PDB file of N, CA and C in Angstrom:
ATOM      1  N   MET A   1      -5.125 -11.660  10.588  1.00  0.00           N
ATOM      2  CA  MET A   1      -4.344 -11.667   9.369  1.00  0.00           C
ATOM      3  C   MET A   1      -5.207 -12.046   8.170  1.00  0.00           C
ATOM      4  N   LYS A   2      -6.222 -12.859   8.396  1.00  0.00           N
ATOM      5  CA  LYS A   2      -7.077 -13.276   7.293  1.00  0.00           C
ATOM      6  C   LYS A   2      -7.807 -12.086   6.678  1.00  0.00           C
ATOM      7  N   PHE A   3      -8.225 -11.115   7.508  1.00  0.00           N
ATOM      8  CA  PHE A   3      -8.898  -9.929   6.991  1.00  0.00           C
ATOM      9  C   PHE A   3      -7.968  -9.145   6.066  1.00  0.00           C
ATOM     10  N   LEU A   4      -6.716  -8.974   6.482  1.00  0.00           N
ATOM     11  CA  LEU A   4      -5.755  -8.246   5.663  1.00  0.00           C
ATOM     12  C   LEU A   4      -5.465  -8.992   4.365  1.00  0.00           C
ATOM     13  N   ASP A   5      -5.359 -10.314   4.435  1.00  0.00           N
ATOM     14  CA  ASP A   5      -5.149 -11.118   3.229  1.00  0.00           C
ATOM     15  C   ASP A   5      -6.303 -10.945   2.251  1.00  0.00           C
ATOM     16  N   CYS A   6      -7.530 -11.037   2.741  1.00  0.00           N
ATOM     17  CA  CYS A   6      -8.702 -10.906   1.875  1.00  0.00           C
ATOM     18  C   CYS A   6      -8.833  -9.496   1.308  1.00  0.00           C
ATOM     19  N   THR A   7      -8.521  -8.496   2.111  1.00  0.00           N
ATOM     20  CA  THR A   7      -8.588  -7.110   1.644  1.00  0.00           C
ATOM     21  C   THR A   7      -7.551  -6.866   0.548  1.00  0.00           C
ATOM     22  N   ALA A   8      -6.332  -7.321   0.773  1.00  0.00           N
ATOM     23  CA  ALA A   8      -5.274  -7.151  -0.230  1.00  0.00           C
ATOM     24  C   ALA A   8      -5.623  -7.891  -1.515  1.00  0.00           C
ATOM     25  N   LEU A   9      -6.163  -9.082  -1.388  1.00  0.00           N
ATOM     26  CA  LEU A   9      -6.540  -9.846  -2.567  1.00  0.00           C
ATOM     27  C   LEU A   9      -7.662  -9.162  -3.335  1.00  0.00           C
ATOM     28  N   THR A  10      -8.642  -8.622  -2.633  1.00  0.00           N
ATOM     29  CA  THR A  10      -9.745  -7.906  -3.287  1.00  0.00           C
ATOM     30  C   THR A  10      -9.231  -6.679  -4.039  1.00  0.00           C
ATOM     31  N   ILE A  11      -8.361  -5.902  -3.397  1.00  0.00           N
ATOM     32  CA  ILE A  11      -7.810  -4.714  -4.051  1.00  0.00           C
ATOM     33  C   ILE A  11      -6.975  -5.108  -5.266  1.00  0.00           C
ATOM     34  N   ALA A  12      -6.198  -6.167  -5.159  1.00  0.00           N
ATOM     35  CA  ALA A  12      -5.384  -6.621  -6.286  1.00  0.00           C
ATOM     36  C   ALA A  12      -6.266  -7.097  -7.442  1.00  0.00           C
ATOM     37  N   ILE A  13      -7.353  -7.774  -7.142  1.00  0.00           N
ATOM     38  CA  ILE A  13      -8.276  -8.226  -8.185  1.00  0.00           C
ATOM     39  C   ILE A  13      -8.908  -7.027  -8.891  1.00  0.00           C
ATOM     40  N   ILE A  14      -9.297  -6.014  -8.135  1.00  0.00           N
ATOM     41  CA  ILE A  14      -9.846  -4.799  -8.743  1.00  0.00           C
ATOM     42  C   ILE A  14      -8.802  -4.165  -9.667  1.00  0.00           C
ATOM     43  N   GLY A  15      -7.558  -4.137  -9.225  1.00  0.00           N
ATOM     44  CA  GLY A  15      -6.489  -3.587 -10.054  1.00  0.00           C
ATOM     45  C   GLY A  15      -6.280  -4.375 -11.337  1.00  0.00           C
ATOM     46  N   THR A  16      -6.332  -5.698 -11.241  1.00  0.00           N
ATOM     47  CA  THR A  16      -6.144  -6.501 -12.447  1.00  0.00           C
ATOM     48  C   THR A  16      -7.315  -6.352 -13.404  1.00  0.00           C
ATOM     49  N   LEU A  17      -8.525  -6.203 -12.867  1.00  0.00           N
ATOM     50  CA  LEU A  17      -9.673  -5.964 -13.744  1.00  0.00           C
ATOM     51  C   LEU A  17      -9.526  -4.622 -14.469  1.00  0.00           C
ATOM     52  N   ASN A  18      -9.021  -3.619 -13.760  1.00  0.00           N
ATOM     53  CA  ASN A  18      -8.795  -2.324 -14.399  1.00  0.00           C
ATOM     54  C   ASN A  18      -7.755  -2.441 -15.511  1.00  0.00           C
ATOM     55  N   TRP A  19      -6.666  -3.177 -15.246  1.00  0.00           N
ATOM     56  CA  TRP A  19      -5.652  -3.364 -16.291  1.00  0.00           C
ATOM     57  C   TRP A  19      -6.205  -4.156 -17.467  1.00  0.00           C
ATOM     58  N   GLY A  20      -7.089  -5.108 -17.200  1.00  0.00           N
ATOM     59  CA  GLY A  20      -7.742  -5.837 -18.292  1.00  0.00           C
ATOM     60  C   GLY A  20      -8.590  -4.918 -19.155  1.00  0.00           C
ATOM     61  N   LEU A  21      -9.323  -4.020 -18.511  1.00  0.00           N
ATOM     62  CA  LEU A  21     -10.116  -3.041 -19.268  1.00  0.00           C
ATOM     63  C   LEU A  21      -9.222  -2.122 -20.100  1.00  0.00           C
ATOM     64  N   ILE A  22      -8.092  -1.727 -19.529  1.00  0.00           N
ATOM     65  CA  ILE A  22      -7.162  -0.874 -20.271  1.00  0.00           C
ATOM     66  C   ILE A  22      -6.610  -1.622 -21.485  1.00  0.00           C
ATOM     67  N   GLY A  23      -6.224  -2.867 -21.282  1.00  0.00           N
ATOM     68  CA  GLY A  23      -5.635  -3.647 -22.364  1.00  0.00           C
ATOM     69  C   GLY A  23      -6.613  -4.012 -23.469  1.00  0.00           C
ATOM     70  N   ILE A  24      -7.832  -4.355 -23.098  1.00  0.00           N
ATOM     71  CA  ILE A  24      -8.801  -4.821 -24.087  1.00  0.00           C
ATOM     72  C   ILE A  24      -9.591  -3.676 -24.709  1.00  0.00           C
ATOM     73  N   LEU A  25     -10.076  -2.760 -23.871  1.00  0.00           N
ATOM     74  CA  LEU A  25     -10.982  -1.712 -24.350  1.00  0.00           C
ATOM     75  C   LEU A  25     -10.374  -0.307 -24.351  1.00  0.00           C
ATOM     76  N   ARG A  26      -9.129  -0.194 -23.871  1.00  0.00           N
ATOM     77  CA  ARG A  26      -8.489   1.126 -23.732  1.00  0.00           C
ATOM     78  C   ARG A  26      -9.333   2.055 -22.862  1.00  0.00           C
ATOM     79  N   PHE A  27      -9.885   1.481 -21.790  1.00  0.00           N
ATOM     80  CA  PHE A  27     -10.753   2.227 -20.873  1.00  0.00           C
ATOM     81  C   PHE A  27     -10.201   2.082 -19.460  1.00  0.00           C
ATOM     82  N   ASP A  28      -9.794   3.200 -18.876  1.00  0.00           N
ATOM     83  CA  ASP A  28      -9.245   3.200 -17.519  1.00  0.00           C
ATOM     84  C   ASP A  28     -10.370   3.575 -16.553  1.00  0.00           C
ATOM     85  N   LEU A  29     -10.894   2.591 -15.857  1.00  0.00           N
ATOM     86  CA  LEU A  29     -12.034   2.797 -14.955  1.00  0.00           C
ATOM     87  C   LEU A  29     -11.681   3.719 -13.795  1.00  0.00           C
ATOM     88  N   VAL A  30     -10.463   3.615 -13.272  1.00  0.00           N
ATOM     89  CA  VAL A  30     -10.056   4.468 -12.154  1.00  0.00           C
ATOM     90  C   VAL A  30     -10.047   5.933 -12.581  1.00  0.00           C
ATOM     91  N   ASN A  31      -9.468   6.221 -13.734  1.00  0.00           N
ATOM     92  CA  ASN A  31      -9.472   7.594 -14.222  1.00  0.00           C
ATOM     93  C   ASN A  31     -10.886   8.070 -14.523  1.00  0.00           C
ATOM     94  N   PHE A  32     -11.723   7.198 -15.027  1.00  0.00           N
ATOM     95  CA  PHE A  32     -13.113   7.560 -15.324  1.00  0.00           C
ATOM     96  C   PHE A  32     -13.860   7.926 -14.047  1.00  0.00           C
ATOM     97  N   LEU A  33     -13.647   7.157 -12.984  1.00  0.00           N
ATOM     98  CA  LEU A  33     -14.381   7.395 -11.741  1.00  0.00           C
ATOM     99  C   LEU A  33     -13.816   8.552 -10.923  1.00  0.00           C
ATOM    100  N   PHE A  34     -12.489   8.696 -10.897  1.00  0.00           N
ATOM    101  CA  PHE A  34     -11.871   9.639  -9.973  1.00  0.00           C
ATOM    102  C   PHE A  34     -11.111  10.783 -10.638  1.00  0.00           C
ATOM    103  N   GLY A  35     -10.979  10.766 -11.945  1.00  0.00           N
ATOM    104  CA  GLY A  35     -10.253  11.821 -12.646  1.00  0.00           C
ATOM    105  C   GLY A  35      -8.841  11.386 -12.974  1.00  0.00           C
ATOM    106  N   ASN A  36      -8.281  12.051 -13.983  1.00  0.00           N
ATOM    107  CA  ASN A  36      -6.952  11.702 -14.469  1.00  0.00           C
ATOM    108  C   ASN A  36      -5.891  12.125 -13.458  1.00  0.00           C
ATOM    109  N   MET A  37      -5.314  11.153 -12.780  1.00  0.00           N
ATOM    110  CA  MET A  37      -4.263  11.333 -11.776  1.00  0.00           C
ATOM    111  C   MET A  37      -4.661  12.323 -10.682  1.00  0.00           C
ATOM    112  N   SER A  38      -5.920  12.279 -10.294  1.00  0.00           N
ATOM    113  CA  SER A  38      -6.371  13.060  -9.147  1.00  0.00           C
ATOM    114  C   SER A  38      -5.830  12.402  -7.885  1.00  0.00           C
ATOM    115  N   LEU A  39      -6.025  13.050  -6.767  1.00  0.00           N
ATOM    116  CA  LEU A  39      -5.552  12.488  -5.507  1.00  0.00           C
ATOM    117  C   LEU A  39      -6.200  11.126  -5.247  1.00  0.00           C
ATOM    118  N   LEU A  40      -7.496  11.010  -5.505  1.00  0.00           N
ATOM    119  CA  LEU A  40      -8.184   9.730  -5.264  1.00  0.00           C
ATOM    120  C   LEU A  40      -7.668   8.627  -6.184  1.00  0.00           C
ATOM    121  N   SER A  41      -7.446   8.943  -7.453  1.00  0.00           N
ATOM    122  CA  SER A  41      -6.950   7.909  -8.361  1.00  0.00           C
ATOM    123  C   SER A  41      -5.530   7.491  -7.977  1.00  0.00           C
ATOM    124  N   ARG A  42      -4.711   8.421  -7.512  1.00  0.00           N
ATOM    125  CA  ARG A  42      -3.369   8.072  -7.072  1.00  0.00           C
ATOM    126  C   ARG A  42      -3.413   7.200  -5.823  1.00  0.00           C
ATOM    127  N   ILE A  43      -4.376   7.451  -4.942  1.00  0.00           N
ATOM    128  CA  ILE A  43      -4.543   6.606  -3.757  1.00  0.00           C
ATOM    129  C   ILE A  43      -4.935   5.192  -4.169  1.00  0.00           C
ATOM    130  N   VAL A  44      -5.857   5.071  -5.128  1.00  0.00           N
ATOM    131  CA  VAL A  44      -6.284   3.747  -5.604  1.00  0.00           C
ATOM    132  C   VAL A  44      -5.096   3.003  -6.206  1.00  0.00           C
ATOM    133  N   TYR A  45      -4.343   3.672  -7.083  1.00  0.00           N
ATOM    134  CA  TYR A  45      -3.178   3.024  -7.688  1.00  0.00           C
ATOM    135  C   TYR A  45      -2.145   2.626  -6.631  1.00  0.00           C
ATOM    136  N   THR A  46      -1.951   3.456  -5.627  1.00  0.00           N
ATOM    137  CA  THR A  46      -1.013   3.138  -4.551  1.00  0.00           C
ATOM    138  C   THR A  46      -1.477   1.928  -3.753  1.00  0.00           C
ATOM    139  N   LEU A  47      -2.771   1.865  -3.445  1.00  0.00           N
ATOM    140  CA  LEU A  47      -3.305   0.711  -2.717  1.00  0.00           C
ATOM    141  C   LEU A  47      -3.174  -0.573  -3.519  1.00  0.00           C
ATOM    142  N   VAL A  48      -3.405  -0.497  -4.822  1.00  0.00           N
ATOM    143  CA  VAL A  48      -3.241  -1.678  -5.677  1.00  0.00           C
ATOM    144  C   VAL A  48      -1.785  -2.134  -5.663  1.00  0.00           C
ATOM    145  N   GLY A  49      -0.856  -1.193  -5.779  1.00  0.00           N
ATOM    146  CA  GLY A  49       0.563  -1.540  -5.750  1.00  0.00           C
ATOM    147  C   GLY A  49       1.000  -2.132  -4.423  1.00  0.00           C
ATOM    148  N   LEU A  50       0.550  -1.526  -3.332  1.00  0.00           N
ATOM    149  CA  LEU A  50       0.895  -2.050  -2.005  1.00  0.00           C
ATOM    150  C   LEU A  50       0.283  -3.435  -1.784  1.00  0.00           C
ATOM    151  N   SER A  51      -0.917  -3.636  -2.280  1.00  0.00           N
ATOM    152  CA  SER A  51      -1.552  -4.955  -2.153  1.00  0.00           C
ATOM    153  C   SER A  51      -0.763  -6.001  -2.916  1.00  0.00           C
ATOM    154  N   GLY A  52      -0.296  -5.646  -4.103  1.00  0.00           N
ATOM    155  CA  GLY A  52       0.523  -6.576  -4.876  1.00  0.00           C
ATOM    156  C   GLY A  52       1.809  -6.935  -4.160  1.00  0.00           C
ATOM    157  N   LEU A  53       2.446  -5.931  -3.560  1.00  0.00           N
ATOM    158  CA  LEU A  53       3.665  -6.207  -2.797  1.00  0.00           C
ATOM    159  C   LEU A  53       3.383  -7.073  -1.572  1.00  0.00           C
ATOM    160  N   TYR A  54       2.275  -6.807  -0.912  1.00  0.00           N
ATOM    161  CA  TYR A  54       1.898  -7.604   0.250  1.00  0.00           C
ATOM    162  C   TYR A  54       1.629  -9.055  -0.165  1.00  0.00           C
ATOM    163  N   LEU A  55       0.954  -9.247  -1.285  1.00  0.00           N
ATOM    164  CA  LEU A  55       0.623 -10.603  -1.740  1.00  0.00           C
ATOM    165  C   LEU A  55       1.844 -11.355  -2.257  1.00  0.00           C
ATOM    166  N   PHE A  56       2.910 -10.640  -2.548  1.00  0.00           N
ATOM    167  CA  PHE A  56       4.149 -11.277  -2.996  1.00  0.00           C
ATOM    168  C   PHE A  56       4.684 -12.251  -1.948  1.00  0.00           C
ATOM    169  N   ARG A  57       4.329 -12.024  -0.702  1.00  0.00           N
ATOM    170  CA  ARG A  57       4.810 -12.896   0.369  1.00  0.00           C
ATOM    171  C   ARG A  57       4.294 -14.326   0.223  1.00  0.00           C
ATOM    172  N   PHE A  58       3.210 -14.534  -0.514  1.00  0.00           N
ATOM    173  CA  PHE A  58       2.714 -15.890  -0.732  1.00  0.00           C
ATOM    174  C   PHE A  58       3.699 -16.709  -1.564  1.00  0.00           C
ATOM    175  N   PHE A  59       4.429 -16.047  -2.464  1.00  0.00           N
ATOM    176  CA  PHE A  59       5.460 -16.761  -3.217  1.00  0.00           C
ATOM    177  C   PHE A  59       6.604 -17.186  -2.309  1.00  0.00           C
ATOM    178  N   VAL A  60       6.978 -16.309  -1.394  1.00  0.00           N
ATOM    179  CA  VAL A  60       8.050 -16.627  -0.461  1.00  0.00           C
ATOM    180  C   VAL A  60       7.619 -17.759   0.450  1.00  0.00           C
ATOM    181  N   ARG A  61       6.387 -17.701   0.920  1.00  0.00           N
ATOM    182  CA  ARG A  61       5.873 -18.736   1.822  1.00  0.00           C
ATOM    183  C   ARG A  61       5.734 -20.075   1.099  1.00  0.00           C
ATOM    184  N   SER A  62       5.399 -20.072  -0.182  1.00  0.00           N
ATOM    185  CA  SER A  62       5.228 -21.323  -0.912  1.00  0.00           C
ATOM    186  C   SER A  62       6.572 -22.035  -1.120  1.00  0.00           C
ATOM    187  N   ASP A  63       7.683 -21.304  -1.120  1.00  0.00           N
ATOM    188  CA  ASP A  63       8.993 -21.919  -1.244  1.00  0.00           C
ATOM    189  C   ASP A  63       9.436 -22.626   0.032  1.00  0.00           C
ATOM    190  N   GLU A  64       8.852 -22.269   1.156  1.00  0.00           N
ATOM    191  CA  GLU A  64       9.252 -22.845   2.429  1.00  0.00           C
ATOM    192  C   GLU A  64       8.735 -24.263   2.613  1.00  0.00           C
ATOM    193  N   LYS A  65       7.728 -24.667   1.893  1.00  0.00           N
ATOM    194  CA  LYS A  65       7.112 -25.989   2.075  1.00  0.00           C
ATOM    195  C   LYS A  65       7.847 -27.073   1.353  1.00  0.00           C
TER     196      LYS A  65
END
C-alpha cells in the first residue's frame, strides 16, 4: 500500500505544479509536452484526478483518530 500511496502523492504533486504554472505563468506543461487534449494529455489529467480522489481517503482516515 505504501507504493500506491507514494505514487498517488507524486502524481498529485505533479498535477499541482502544473496548475501552479497555469495560474502564475499561463503555461500548461502537460499540453506543451503531449499536445492540446491529445490522448496522452487526457491520460495524465485522468491520473492526476484519480490520484486526488485516492488521496482524499487521508481526510476520512484522519477523522477516525
